[in-house]
Protein backbone atom coordinates (compact mmCIF):
# COMPACT_ATOMS: atom_id res chain seq x y z
CA UNK A 1 -19.43 4.24 -5.78
CA UNK A 2 -20.08 7.05 -8.49
CA UNK A 3 -20.68 9.91 -6.25
CA UNK A 4 -17.77 8.73 -3.70
CA UNK A 5 -13.98 7.84 -3.61
CA UNK A 6 -12.84 4.55 -2.98
CA UNK A 7 -11.79 3.83 0.72
CA UNK A 8 -8.65 2.29 1.07
CA UNK A 9 -7.45 0.71 4.53
CA UNK A 10 -3.91 2.41 4.99
CA UNK A 11 -1.97 -0.70 6.19
CA UNK A 12 -5.15 -2.25 7.05
CA UNK A 13 -7.38 -0.24 9.65
CA UNK A 14 -4.46 0.64 11.35
CA UNK A 15 -6.04 3.08 13.91
CA UNK A 16 -7.24 0.35 15.47
CA UNK A 17 -4.93 -2.78 15.05
CA UNK A 18 -1.45 -3.70 14.40
CA UNK A 19 -0.45 -1.69 10.89
CA UNK A 20 0.68 -4.26 7.96
CA UNK A 21 -0.95 -7.49 9.85
CA UNK A 22 -3.69 -9.44 8.91
CA UNK A 23 -6.01 -8.89 12.05
CA UNK A 24 -5.68 -5.04 10.71
CA UNK A 25 -6.85 -6.20 7.26
CA UNK A 26 -9.45 -8.55 8.80
CA UNK A 27 -10.58 -5.29 10.44
CA UNK A 28 -10.60 -3.46 7.17
CA UNK A 29 -12.63 -6.03 5.65
CA UNK A 30 -15.35 -6.33 8.25
CA UNK A 31 -15.51 -2.16 8.34
CA UNK A 32 -16.62 -2.11 4.58
CA UNK A 33 -13.30 -0.86 3.43
CA UNK A 34 -13.03 -0.93 -0.73
CA UNK A 35 -9.17 -2.11 -0.57
CA UNK A 36 -6.08 -2.27 1.49
CA UNK A 37 -2.97 -0.73 0.99
CA UNK A 38 0.61 -2.36 2.72
CA UNK A 39 4.39 -2.16 2.50
CA UNK A 40 6.30 -5.32 0.70
CA UNK A 41 10.12 -6.39 1.12
CA UNK A 42 11.87 -9.26 0.64
CA UNK A 43 12.88 -11.47 3.35
CA UNK A 44 16.59 -12.92 3.10
CA UNK A 45 15.67 -16.19 1.38
CA UNK A 46 13.59 -14.49 -1.33
CA UNK A 47 9.53 -14.28 0.44
CA UNK A 48 7.46 -11.13 0.29
CA UNK A 49 6.95 -10.20 3.47
CA UNK A 50 4.27 -7.41 5.02
CA UNK A 51 6.25 -4.65 7.02
CA UNK A 52 6.48 -0.88 6.96
CA UNK A 53 10.22 0.09 7.95
CA UNK A 54 12.89 -1.56 6.31
CA UNK A 55 14.17 -2.53 9.67
CA UNK A 56 11.83 -4.56 11.80
CA UNK A 57 12.69 -2.69 15.28
CA UNK A 58 9.54 -0.34 15.36
CA UNK A 59 6.74 -2.54 15.08
CA UNK A 60 8.48 -6.16 16.52
CA UNK A 61 10.05 -7.37 19.52
CA UNK A 62 13.34 -8.22 17.50
CA UNK A 63 16.14 -6.17 15.89
CA UNK A 64 17.57 -5.72 12.21
CA UNK A 65 17.09 -5.37 8.79
CA UNK A 66 14.20 -7.25 7.03
CA UNK A 67 16.55 -8.31 4.28
CA UNK A 68 19.32 -10.03 6.80
CA UNK A 69 16.41 -12.20 7.96
CA UNK A 70 14.90 -15.48 6.74
CA UNK A 71 11.52 -15.68 6.52
CA UNK A 72 11.42 -18.61 9.54
CA UNK A 73 13.14 -15.79 11.71
CA UNK A 74 10.97 -13.49 10.88
CA UNK A 75 8.02 -15.43 11.58
CA UNK A 76 9.09 -16.01 15.14
CA UNK A 77 9.02 -12.21 15.86
CA UNK A 78 5.77 -10.34 17.46
CA UNK A 79 4.35 -7.73 15.45
CA UNK A 80 1.45 -6.93 17.34
CA UNK A 81 2.33 -6.16 21.29
CA UNK A 82 3.63 -3.02 20.40
CA UNK A 83 -0.27 -1.83 19.30
CA UNK A 84 -1.86 -3.82 22.29
CA UNK A 85 -1.09 -6.57 24.11
CA UNK A 86 -4.93 -8.19 22.76
CA UNK A 87 -2.87 -8.68 19.64
CA UNK A 88 0.23 -10.41 21.06
CA UNK A 89 1.67 -12.77 19.19
CA UNK A 90 0.13 -11.47 15.91
CA UNK A 91 2.79 -12.39 13.22
CA UNK A 92 4.66 -10.56 9.88
CA UNK A 93 2.10 -12.01 7.10
CA UNK A 94 3.77 -12.80 3.83
CA UNK A 95 2.26 -11.74 0.74
CA UNK A 96 1.11 -15.33 -0.15
CA UNK A 97 -0.97 -15.24 2.99
CA UNK A 98 -2.27 -11.94 2.79
CA UNK A 99 -3.86 -13.04 -1.11
CA UNK A 100 -5.01 -16.56 0.63
CA UNK A 101 -6.75 -15.00 3.31
CA UNK A 102 -8.54 -12.02 2.10
CA UNK A 103 -7.89 -11.78 -1.81
CA UNK A 104 -11.59 -12.27 -2.70
CA UNK A 105 -12.89 -9.40 -0.11
CA UNK A 106 -11.37 -6.72 -1.49
CA UNK A 107 -12.14 -4.69 -4.65
CA UNK A 108 -8.65 -3.15 -5.00
CA UNK A 109 -5.63 -4.11 -3.24
CA UNK A 110 -2.52 -1.39 -3.59
CA UNK A 111 0.78 -3.29 -2.72
CA UNK A 112 3.85 -0.89 -2.27
CA UNK A 113 6.86 -1.90 -3.26
CA UNK A 114 9.53 -0.43 -0.62
CA UNK A 115 12.90 0.41 -1.93
CA UNK A 116 16.57 0.60 -0.13
CA UNK A 117 20.07 0.48 -1.92
CA UNK A 118 20.58 -2.79 0.61
CA UNK A 119 17.64 -3.77 -0.81
CA UNK A 120 17.77 -7.80 -2.26
CA UNK A 121 17.11 -7.76 -6.18
CA UNK A 122 14.42 -9.39 -7.72
CA UNK A 123 11.22 -8.00 -5.25
CA UNK A 124 9.34 -6.85 -8.44
CA UNK A 125 9.70 -10.52 -9.81
CA UNK A 126 8.89 -12.20 -6.38
CA UNK A 127 5.50 -9.63 -6.11
CA UNK A 128 4.51 -10.55 -9.60
CA UNK A 129 4.55 -14.32 -9.27
CA UNK A 130 2.52 -14.28 -6.16
CA UNK A 131 -0.11 -11.77 -7.98
CA UNK A 132 -0.16 -14.30 -10.65
CA UNK A 133 -0.69 -17.63 -8.70
CA UNK A 134 -3.48 -15.90 -7.23
CA UNK A 135 -4.91 -14.54 -10.59
CA UNK A 136 -5.08 -10.98 -8.35
CA UNK A 137 -3.89 -8.87 -11.75
CA UNK A 138 -7.16 -7.34 -12.20
CA UNK A 139 -7.77 -6.09 -8.29
CA UNK A 140 -4.13 -4.98 -7.73
CA UNK A 141 -2.36 -1.43 -8.11
CA UNK A 142 1.56 -1.50 -7.82
CA UNK A 143 2.75 1.14 -6.19
CA UNK A 144 6.57 2.83 -5.21
CA UNK A 145 8.16 5.91 -4.50
CA UNK A 146 10.77 4.80 -6.34
CA UNK A 147 10.44 5.47 -10.13
CA UNK A 148 13.04 2.48 -10.52
CA UNK A 149 11.06 -0.10 -8.97
CA UNK A 150 8.12 0.95 -11.21
CA UNK A 151 10.42 0.72 -14.30
CA UNK A 152 11.45 -2.79 -13.18
CA UNK A 153 7.57 -3.91 -12.62
CA UNK A 154 5.97 -2.27 -15.53
CA UNK A 155 8.72 -4.08 -18.18
CA UNK A 156 7.37 -7.83 -16.68
CA UNK A 157 3.80 -6.62 -15.81
CA UNK A 158 2.29 -4.59 -18.66
CA UNK A 159 -1.90 -6.01 -17.42
CA UNK A 160 -1.21 -4.84 -13.61
CA UNK A 161 -2.39 -0.92 -12.84
CA UNK A 162 0.77 1.02 -11.87
CA UNK A 163 0.78 4.42 -9.09
CA UNK A 164 3.47 6.95 -8.67
CA UNK A 165 3.49 7.77 -5.37
CA UNK A 166 4.50 11.13 -4.17
CA UNK A 167 5.03 13.99 -1.25
CA UNK A 168 6.16 17.36 -1.13
CA UNK A 169 9.53 16.14 -0.71
CA UNK A 170 9.60 13.76 -3.97
CA UNK A 171 12.99 14.90 -5.48
CA UNK A 172 13.09 16.40 -8.96
CA UNK A 173 15.12 13.69 -10.46
CA UNK A 174 12.07 11.17 -9.07
CA UNK A 175 9.61 13.18 -11.09
CA UNK A 176 11.92 13.32 -14.60
CA UNK A 177 12.17 9.24 -14.23
CA UNK A 178 8.59 8.83 -13.49
CA UNK A 179 7.56 10.51 -16.86
CA UNK A 180 9.23 7.78 -18.90
CA UNK A 181 7.49 4.85 -16.74
CA UNK A 182 3.59 3.61 -17.49
CA UNK A 183 1.52 4.38 -14.69
CA UNK A 184 -2.18 4.81 -14.92
CA UNK A 185 -2.29 6.44 -11.21
CA UNK A 186 -0.96 9.11 -9.01
CA UNK A 187 -0.84 8.58 -5.18
CA UNK A 188 -0.20 12.20 -3.90
CA UNK A 189 -0.34 13.14 0.18
CA UNK A 190 -3.37 14.79 0.67
CA UNK A 191 -2.05 18.09 1.19
CA UNK A 192 -1.14 18.33 -2.53
CA UNK A 193 -4.28 17.97 -4.24
CA UNK A 194 -6.19 21.05 -5.42
CA UNK A 195 -7.99 21.77 -8.44
CA UNK A 196 -4.78 22.39 -10.09
CA UNK A 197 -3.50 19.14 -9.30
CA UNK A 198 -6.71 17.27 -10.38
CA UNK A 199 -6.67 19.28 -13.57
CA UNK A 200 -3.40 18.36 -14.72
CA UNK A 201 -3.86 14.50 -13.53
CA UNK A 202 -7.15 14.03 -15.63
CA UNK A 203 -5.60 15.98 -18.32
CA UNK A 204 -3.16 12.89 -18.94
CA UNK A 205 -6.05 10.46 -18.16
CA UNK A 206 -4.45 9.09 -14.57
CA UNK A 207 -6.51 8.47 -11.55
CA UNK A 208 -5.64 10.00 -8.34
CA UNK A 209 -5.51 8.28 -4.92
CA UNK A 210 -4.45 10.33 -2.26
CA UNK A 211 -2.76 9.37 1.17
CA UNK A 212 -3.69 9.42 3.93
CA UNK A 213 -6.35 11.08 4.84
CA UNK A 214 -8.06 10.52 8.52
CA UNK A 215 -9.81 14.22 8.46
CA UNK A 216 -13.33 14.44 7.62
CA UNK A 217 -13.47 17.97 6.86
CA UNK A 218 -10.40 17.19 4.47
CA UNK A 219 -12.12 13.96 3.48
CA UNK A 220 -15.20 15.78 2.17
CA UNK A 221 -12.89 18.34 0.20
CA UNK A 222 -11.01 15.88 -1.87
CA UNK A 223 -13.98 14.29 -2.41
CA UNK A 224 -15.40 17.40 -4.07
CA UNK A 225 -12.45 17.54 -5.67
CA UNK A 226 -13.05 14.13 -7.33
CA UNK A 227 -10.24 12.18 -5.99
CA UNK A 228 -10.92 8.36 -7.22
CA UNK A 229 -9.76 7.12 -3.90
CA UNK A 230 -8.36 7.99 -0.31
CA UNK A 231 -6.11 5.71 1.65
CA UNK A 232 -6.93 5.89 5.38
CA UNK A 233 -6.33 4.71 8.89
CA UNK A 234 -9.99 4.89 9.54
CA UNK A 235 -11.95 3.00 7.06
CA UNK A 236 -15.14 3.07 9.12
CA UNK A 237 -14.96 6.61 9.76
CA UNK A 238 -14.85 7.70 6.37
CA UNK A 239 -17.41 5.08 4.76
CA UNK A 240 -19.83 6.82 7.36
CA UNK A 241 -18.80 10.18 6.27
CA UNK A 242 -19.90 9.31 2.59
CA UNK A 243 -22.71 7.22 3.90
């Protein structure tokens, strides 16, 4: 893999299957992705579950905030029909279910811990518990846009890689706090990455895993710059390109 970046399925192979679901992750594995990326929240009863938004409305047939719903209630929701009738009755997965079903199929799994002021406390410890139970420490990188999340996770998990997620609208105070937090990788939006960005990252010994790359010309540009991983909705397209 020395001549190409790792190819990470963004919420799975989400161009083709409902994002952040077992079918999307299985498809990414079948396409040959090196890894997957997904988003984690806590249910009302403290279970790490996989969904992008804080509310379930956009990708399920339900309504409301994850933190107000128990796992049992979340499991009643259809998280697949919004994408295609072929995925009707697909359920919101737990972190435990993802690791049990697919943990052995990937070289790297990027667990993005989401953040909201109303989020249930303890998400970092809950995520770490599942990682440790499945002995996944060496194949996990935990990322977040919120450096407070990373700070709390780093304090309890010194042996797990951390990535600071950023985009063009990242506020200065987030950068200020991120400088104080151990992190082995930077996760910029691909439009932020140029020669200067790569030079600065390498000067401080950080990997660069960039998101979300679906354009082949852009992927080749990033490969030439030397990024370590690209996060994409279409792992099959990117792997064919690099081959």
